[in-house]
Protein backbone atom coordinates (compact mmCIF):
# COMPACT_ATOMS: atom_id res chain seq x y z
CA MET A 1 3.41 -14.37 27.39
CA LYS A 2 -0.21 -13.39 26.87
CA ALA A 3 -1.36 -12.97 23.27
CA TYR A 4 -4.65 -11.41 22.22
CA ILE A 5 -6.15 -12.43 18.88
CA PHE A 6 -8.99 -10.74 17.00
CA PRO A 7 -11.42 -12.46 14.60
CA GLY A 8 -12.33 -11.43 11.07
CA GLN A 9 -15.42 -11.53 8.86
CA GLY A 10 -17.77 -14.47 9.38
CA ALA A 11 -17.88 -14.33 13.20
CA GLN A 12 -20.98 -12.09 13.33
CA PHE A 13 -24.31 -13.09 14.92
CA THR A 14 -27.56 -11.33 15.82
CA GLY A 15 -27.40 -9.90 19.33
CA MET A 16 -23.61 -9.44 19.25
CA GLY A 17 -22.42 -6.76 21.68
CA LEU A 18 -25.79 -6.31 23.38
CA ASP A 19 -24.51 -7.63 26.74
CA LEU A 20 -21.65 -5.10 26.57
CA TYR A 21 -24.04 -2.25 25.76
CA GLU A 22 -26.43 -3.12 28.58
CA ASN A 23 -23.81 -3.71 31.27
CA SER A 24 -21.09 -1.15 30.64
CA PRO A 25 -21.41 2.66 30.43
CA VAL A 26 -18.03 2.74 28.63
CA ALA A 27 -19.34 0.33 25.99
CA GLN A 28 -22.60 2.24 25.63
CA GLU A 29 -20.74 5.49 25.00
CA LEU A 30 -18.45 3.89 22.39
CA PHE A 31 -21.35 2.21 20.56
CA GLU A 32 -23.23 5.53 20.40
CA GLN A 33 -20.08 7.25 19.14
CA ALA A 34 -19.83 4.54 16.44
CA ASN A 35 -23.42 5.22 15.29
CA THR A 36 -22.49 8.91 14.86
CA ILE A 37 -19.21 8.19 13.02
CA LEU A 38 -20.84 5.68 10.65
CA GLY A 39 -23.93 7.81 10.02
CA PHE A 40 -26.37 4.94 10.64
CA SER A 41 -27.45 2.93 13.68
CA ILE A 42 -25.17 -0.09 13.52
CA THR A 43 -26.27 -1.02 17.06
CA ASP A 44 -29.84 -1.64 15.82
CA ILE A 45 -28.54 -4.11 13.23
CA MET A 46 -26.05 -5.76 15.62
CA PHE A 47 -28.56 -6.22 18.42
CA GLU A 48 -31.76 -6.95 16.47
CA GLY A 49 -30.93 -7.27 12.75
CA THR A 50 -31.46 -10.36 10.61
CA ALA A 51 -28.57 -12.59 9.52
CA GLU A 52 -29.09 -11.15 6.03
CA GLU A 53 -28.67 -7.53 7.25
CA LEU A 54 -25.60 -8.48 9.26
CA LYS A 55 -24.07 -10.12 6.19
CA GLN A 56 -23.77 -6.84 4.26
CA THR A 57 -20.05 -6.03 4.10
CA LYS A 58 -20.64 -2.39 5.15
CA VAL A 59 -22.24 -3.75 8.36
CA THR A 60 -20.29 -6.97 9.01
CA GLN A 61 -16.81 -5.47 9.15
CA PRO A 62 -17.59 -2.52 11.48
CA ALA A 63 -19.80 -4.80 13.64
CA ILE A 64 -17.04 -7.33 14.29
CA PHE A 65 -14.47 -4.56 14.80
CA LEU A 66 -16.74 -2.80 17.34
CA HIS A 67 -17.49 -5.98 19.27
CA SER A 68 -13.74 -6.77 19.55
CA VAL A 69 -12.44 -3.29 20.32
CA ILE A 70 -15.18 -2.36 22.80
CA LEU A 71 -14.76 -5.68 24.62
CA ALA A 72 -11.00 -4.98 24.93
CA LYS A 73 -11.73 -1.49 26.31
CA VAL A 74 -14.31 -2.82 28.79
CA LEU A 75 -11.74 -5.31 30.14
CA GLY A 76 -9.87 -2.21 31.40
CA ASP A 77 -6.83 -3.03 33.53
CA ASP A 78 -7.29 -6.75 32.88
CA PHE A 79 -6.36 -6.14 29.25
CA LYS A 80 -2.57 -6.23 29.21
CA PRO A 81 -1.43 -7.44 25.80
CA GLU A 82 2.16 -8.58 25.31
CA MET A 83 1.52 -9.50 21.67
CA VAL A 84 -1.49 -9.12 19.35
CA ALA A 85 -2.68 -10.35 15.96
CA GLY A 86 -5.92 -10.21 13.99
CA HIS A 87 -7.28 -12.36 11.19
CA SER A 88 -7.77 -10.14 8.11
CA LEU A 89 -10.22 -7.45 9.30
CA GLY A 90 -9.22 -8.38 12.87
CA GLU A 91 -5.81 -6.80 12.27
CA LEU A 92 -7.47 -3.37 12.51
CA SER A 93 -9.08 -4.37 15.83
CA ALA A 94 -5.63 -5.48 17.04
CA LEU A 95 -4.11 -2.13 16.02
CA VAL A 96 -6.67 -0.16 18.06
CA ALA A 97 -6.24 -2.54 21.01
CA ASN A 98 -2.46 -2.10 21.06
CA GLY A 99 -2.61 1.70 20.73
CA VAL A 100 -1.47 2.14 17.10
CA LEU A 101 -4.83 3.58 16.00
CA SER A 102 -7.43 5.60 17.87
CA PHE A 103 -10.95 4.13 18.17
CA GLU A 104 -12.33 6.74 15.77
CA ASP A 105 -9.58 6.34 13.14
CA GLY A 106 -9.80 2.54 13.35
CA LEU A 107 -13.56 2.59 12.78
CA LYS A 108 -13.28 5.02 9.87
CA LEU A 109 -10.66 2.80 8.20
CA VAL A 110 -12.78 -0.33 8.74
CA SER A 111 -15.78 1.40 7.18
CA LYS A 112 -13.69 2.60 4.19
CA ARG A 113 -12.18 -0.87 3.83
CA ALA A 114 -15.65 -2.48 3.74
CA MET A 115 -16.96 -0.03 1.12
CA ALA A 116 -13.82 -0.32 -1.04
CA MET A 117 -13.96 -4.13 -0.95
CA GLN A 118 -17.65 -4.09 -1.84
CA LYS A 119 -16.92 -1.86 -4.85
CA ALA A 120 -14.04 -4.09 -5.98
CA CYS A 121 -16.37 -7.13 -5.79
CA GLU A 122 -18.82 -5.46 -8.16
CA ILE A 123 -16.21 -4.83 -10.88
CA GLN A 124 -15.84 -8.50 -11.86
CA PRO A 125 -17.47 -11.76 -10.63
CA SER A 126 -15.09 -13.43 -8.20
CA THR A 127 -15.22 -15.87 -5.30
CA MET A 128 -13.32 -17.95 -2.72
CA ALA A 129 -13.20 -21.69 -1.90
CA ALA A 130 -12.16 -23.70 1.16
CA VAL A 131 -9.66 -26.50 0.58
CA LEU A 132 -9.23 -29.22 3.21
CA GLY A 133 -6.69 -31.97 3.61
CA LEU A 134 -3.84 -30.88 1.35
CA GLU A 135 -0.37 -29.47 2.03
CA ASP A 136 0.02 -25.74 1.37
CA ALA A 137 2.62 -26.34 -1.35
CA VAL A 138 0.26 -28.61 -3.32
CA VAL A 139 -2.51 -26.00 -3.22
CA GLU A 140 -0.08 -23.26 -4.31
CA GLU A 141 1.19 -25.45 -7.15
CA VAL A 142 -2.33 -26.21 -8.44
CA CYS A 143 -3.34 -22.53 -8.29
CA ALA A 144 -0.23 -21.58 -10.29
CA SER A 145 -1.14 -24.12 -12.99
CA ILE A 146 -4.66 -22.74 -13.63
CA ASP A 147 -5.38 -20.17 -16.36
CA GLY A 148 -6.86 -17.00 -14.88
CA VAL A 149 -6.56 -15.48 -11.41
CA VAL A 150 -6.62 -17.92 -8.47
CA VAL A 151 -4.31 -17.74 -5.45
CA ALA A 152 -3.93 -19.05 -1.90
CA ALA A 153 -5.65 -16.39 0.23
CA ASN A 154 -6.03 -17.63 3.82
CA TYR A 155 -3.63 -20.03 5.54
CA ASN A 156 -6.02 -20.78 8.42
CA CYS A 157 -4.40 -23.86 9.96
CA PRO A 158 -2.46 -26.88 8.67
CA GLY A 159 -4.62 -28.64 6.08
CA GLN A 160 -7.11 -25.78 5.81
CA LEU A 161 -6.52 -23.19 3.12
CA VAL A 162 -8.84 -20.78 1.33
CA ILE A 163 -8.24 -19.92 -2.32
CA SER A 164 -9.48 -16.78 -4.02
CA GLY A 165 -9.91 -15.41 -7.55
CA GLU A 166 -12.05 -15.34 -10.70
CA VAL A 167 -15.12 -17.60 -10.51
CA GLU A 168 -14.10 -19.86 -13.39
CA ALA A 169 -10.47 -20.15 -12.23
CA VAL A 170 -11.56 -21.01 -8.66
CA GLU A 171 -13.97 -23.69 -9.95
CA LYS A 172 -11.24 -25.22 -12.16
CA ALA A 173 -8.80 -25.16 -9.23
CA CYS A 174 -11.36 -26.96 -7.02
CA GLU A 175 -11.66 -29.78 -9.57
CA ALA A 176 -7.87 -30.08 -9.89
CA LEU A 177 -7.44 -30.03 -6.08
CA LYS A 178 -9.97 -32.85 -5.65
CA GLU A 179 -7.97 -34.88 -8.18
CA LYS A 180 -4.87 -34.22 -6.04
CA GLY A 181 -6.66 -35.74 -3.06
CA ALA A 182 -8.29 -32.79 -1.27
CA LYS A 183 -10.90 -33.98 1.27
CA ARG A 184 -12.97 -30.99 0.24
CA ALA A 185 -12.69 -28.11 -2.22
CA LEU A 186 -15.83 -26.11 -1.75
CA VAL A 187 -16.80 -22.72 -3.22
CA LEU A 188 -17.83 -20.40 -0.37
CA PRO A 189 -20.91 -18.14 -0.28
CA VAL A 190 -18.88 -14.92 -0.46
CA GLY A 191 -19.31 -12.02 -2.84
CA GLY A 192 -15.71 -11.52 -3.87
CA ALA A 193 -12.10 -12.63 -4.11
CA PHE A 194 -10.66 -11.18 -0.90
CA HIS A 195 -6.87 -11.27 -0.39
CA SER A 196 -6.18 -11.72 -4.10
CA PRO A 197 -4.96 -9.44 -6.94
CA MET A 198 -8.64 -8.76 -7.70
CA MET A 199 -8.76 -6.49 -4.64
CA GLU A 200 -6.28 -4.07 -6.24
CA PRO A 201 -8.91 -1.28 -6.72
CA ALA A 202 -9.82 -1.59 -3.02
CA ARG A 203 -6.15 -1.60 -1.99
CA GLU A 204 -5.55 1.66 -3.87
CA GLU A 205 -8.58 3.30 -2.30
CA LEU A 206 -7.72 2.15 1.21
CA ALA A 207 -4.04 3.07 0.79
CA ALA A 208 -5.00 6.74 0.38
CA ALA A 209 -7.03 6.65 3.62
CA ILE A 210 -4.29 4.79 5.53
CA GLU A 211 -1.63 7.29 4.38
CA GLU A 212 -3.67 10.15 5.87
CA THR A 213 -4.18 8.38 9.23
CA THR A 214 -1.90 8.80 12.25
CA PHE A 215 -0.22 5.56 13.33
CA ASN A 216 1.25 5.65 16.87
CA GLU A 217 3.94 3.55 18.55
CA PRO A 218 2.35 0.26 19.65
CA ILE A 219 2.11 -0.89 23.27
CA CYS A 220 3.29 -4.33 22.13
CA PRO A 221 4.27 -6.06 18.85
CA VAL A 222 1.59 -6.84 16.27
CA TYR A 223 2.03 -9.99 14.19
CA GLN A 224 0.76 -8.89 10.81
CA ASN A 225 -0.98 -11.12 8.25
CA VAL A 226 1.30 -10.16 5.38
CA VAL A 227 4.67 -10.86 7.04
CA ALA A 228 3.71 -13.26 9.87
CA LYS A 229 6.21 -11.77 12.30
CA ALA A 230 6.39 -9.16 15.07
CA VAL A 231 6.21 -5.57 13.83
CA THR A 232 6.63 -2.48 16.04
CA LYS A 233 7.49 0.40 13.68
CA PRO A 234 4.44 2.52 12.73
CA ALA A 235 5.71 3.06 9.15
CA GLU A 236 6.12 -0.69 8.65
CA ILE A 237 2.72 -1.44 10.20
CA LYS A 238 1.16 1.03 7.76
CA GLU A 239 2.89 -0.54 4.76
CA ASN A 240 1.80 -4.08 5.72
CA LEU A 241 -1.78 -2.95 6.31
CA ILE A 242 -1.92 -1.43 2.81
CA ALA A 243 -0.54 -4.67 1.30
CA GLN A 244 -3.02 -6.81 3.24
CA LEU A 245 -6.02 -6.59 0.88
CA THR A 246 -4.23 -8.20 -2.08
CA ALA A 247 -1.88 -10.47 -0.07
CA PRO A 248 -2.67 -13.75 1.70
CA VAL A 249 -3.58 -13.96 5.39
CA ARG A 250 -0.75 -16.05 6.84
CA TRP A 251 -2.64 -16.94 10.01
CA THR A 252 -0.98 -20.32 10.67
CA GLN A 253 2.43 -18.68 10.31
CA CYS A 254 1.43 -15.71 12.55
CA VAL A 255 0.37 -18.01 15.38
CA GLN A 256 3.47 -20.19 14.99
CA ALA A 257 5.67 -17.05 15.14
CA MET A 258 3.89 -15.85 18.30
CA ILE A 259 4.41 -19.23 19.96
CA ALA A 260 8.08 -19.27 18.89
CA ASP A 261 8.47 -15.79 20.43
CA GLY A 262 7.08 -16.93 23.79
CA GLY A 263 3.27 -16.79 23.43
CA THR A 264 1.79 -19.30 25.88
CA GLU A 265 -1.75 -18.05 26.48
CA PHE A 266 -4.01 -16.94 23.61
CA VAL A 267 -7.21 -14.99 24.25
CA GLU A 268 -9.72 -14.39 21.45
CA VAL A 269 -11.38 -10.97 21.74
CA GLY A 270 -14.63 -10.59 19.81
CA PRO A 271 -17.63 -12.57 18.61
CA GLY A 272 -17.52 -16.35 18.15
CA LYS A 273 -14.81 -18.95 18.73
CA VAL A 274 -13.38 -19.36 15.22
CA LEU A 275 -9.79 -18.50 16.18
CA GLN A 276 -9.87 -20.72 19.28
CA GLY A 277 -10.83 -23.61 16.99
CA LEU A 278 -7.96 -22.81 14.62
CA MET A 279 -5.53 -22.53 17.56
CA ARG A 280 -6.28 -26.12 18.54
CA LYS A 281 -5.44 -27.24 15.01
CA ILE A 282 -2.24 -25.17 14.84
CA ASP A 283 -0.85 -26.13 18.26
CA ARG A 284 -2.90 -28.10 20.76
CA SER A 285 -0.38 -27.58 23.57
CA VAL A 286 -1.08 -23.83 23.84
CA ALA A 287 -3.95 -22.50 26.01
CA ALA A 288 -6.70 -20.73 24.05
CA SER A 289 -9.80 -19.08 25.51
CA GLY A 290 -12.32 -16.31 24.81
CA ALA A 291 -12.29 -12.93 26.55
CA SER A 292 -15.23 -12.18 28.82
CA PHE A 293 -15.91 -9.13 30.94
CA ALA A 294 -18.47 -10.69 33.29
């Protein structure tokens, strides 16, 4: 079975989407529509902006979403998903690609999500850290032993976990994890504790927007971050999407579930090759490639 996977924040680069815009009338129309919906020219920043401009959350999230979703649309009849999944923000791209959300509704939710997360980051200093070379259970145990808020946030692949929480708690956890034998426990240059209880204000804000949005029957199952299994009921998809901001991204478990359910060919749709790299670390025997419309 063919699985399509959609990247999250961090995959952006200057010039992303320009080839789509220049070579496809469908893409051009969708990018222009996006500029109107967002109320600013995101294409200018995507095609010519600095790394600094692209790093702003209100730009990064819609930019990655647009690159992924427009690429899927440009593939036309070649895009026949039998299963989809997205890493964090990528889950919204996956939901547009498999027909649950319209392009316009998906983009509006991504924009609201970015703004809500930005606001939540400003309430209290918080951060994330990458932990390499330890078993998941050890990382979870250490986080639970630290005073303050620090939790496992992204299960990216075996031996690579990201933790998230209050600055001091994350720093203490990093020290404790190094003592437990972590190859690395490194604070990341991010502005907030994504996928942790500290995103509760953002979750509440986004929940209201999600509740008002129409969710359709999907073309194929979506393997959602929160539950790491196939979901097909719109009401359930909605519920899991609301929970996603404060819950961990179970990416390793999502991919393993897709493989167990018959996924043999994984295609990454969007900027970069982050997910293809993680695929090789999760299961080397499965084919992973990037989508291209040329």
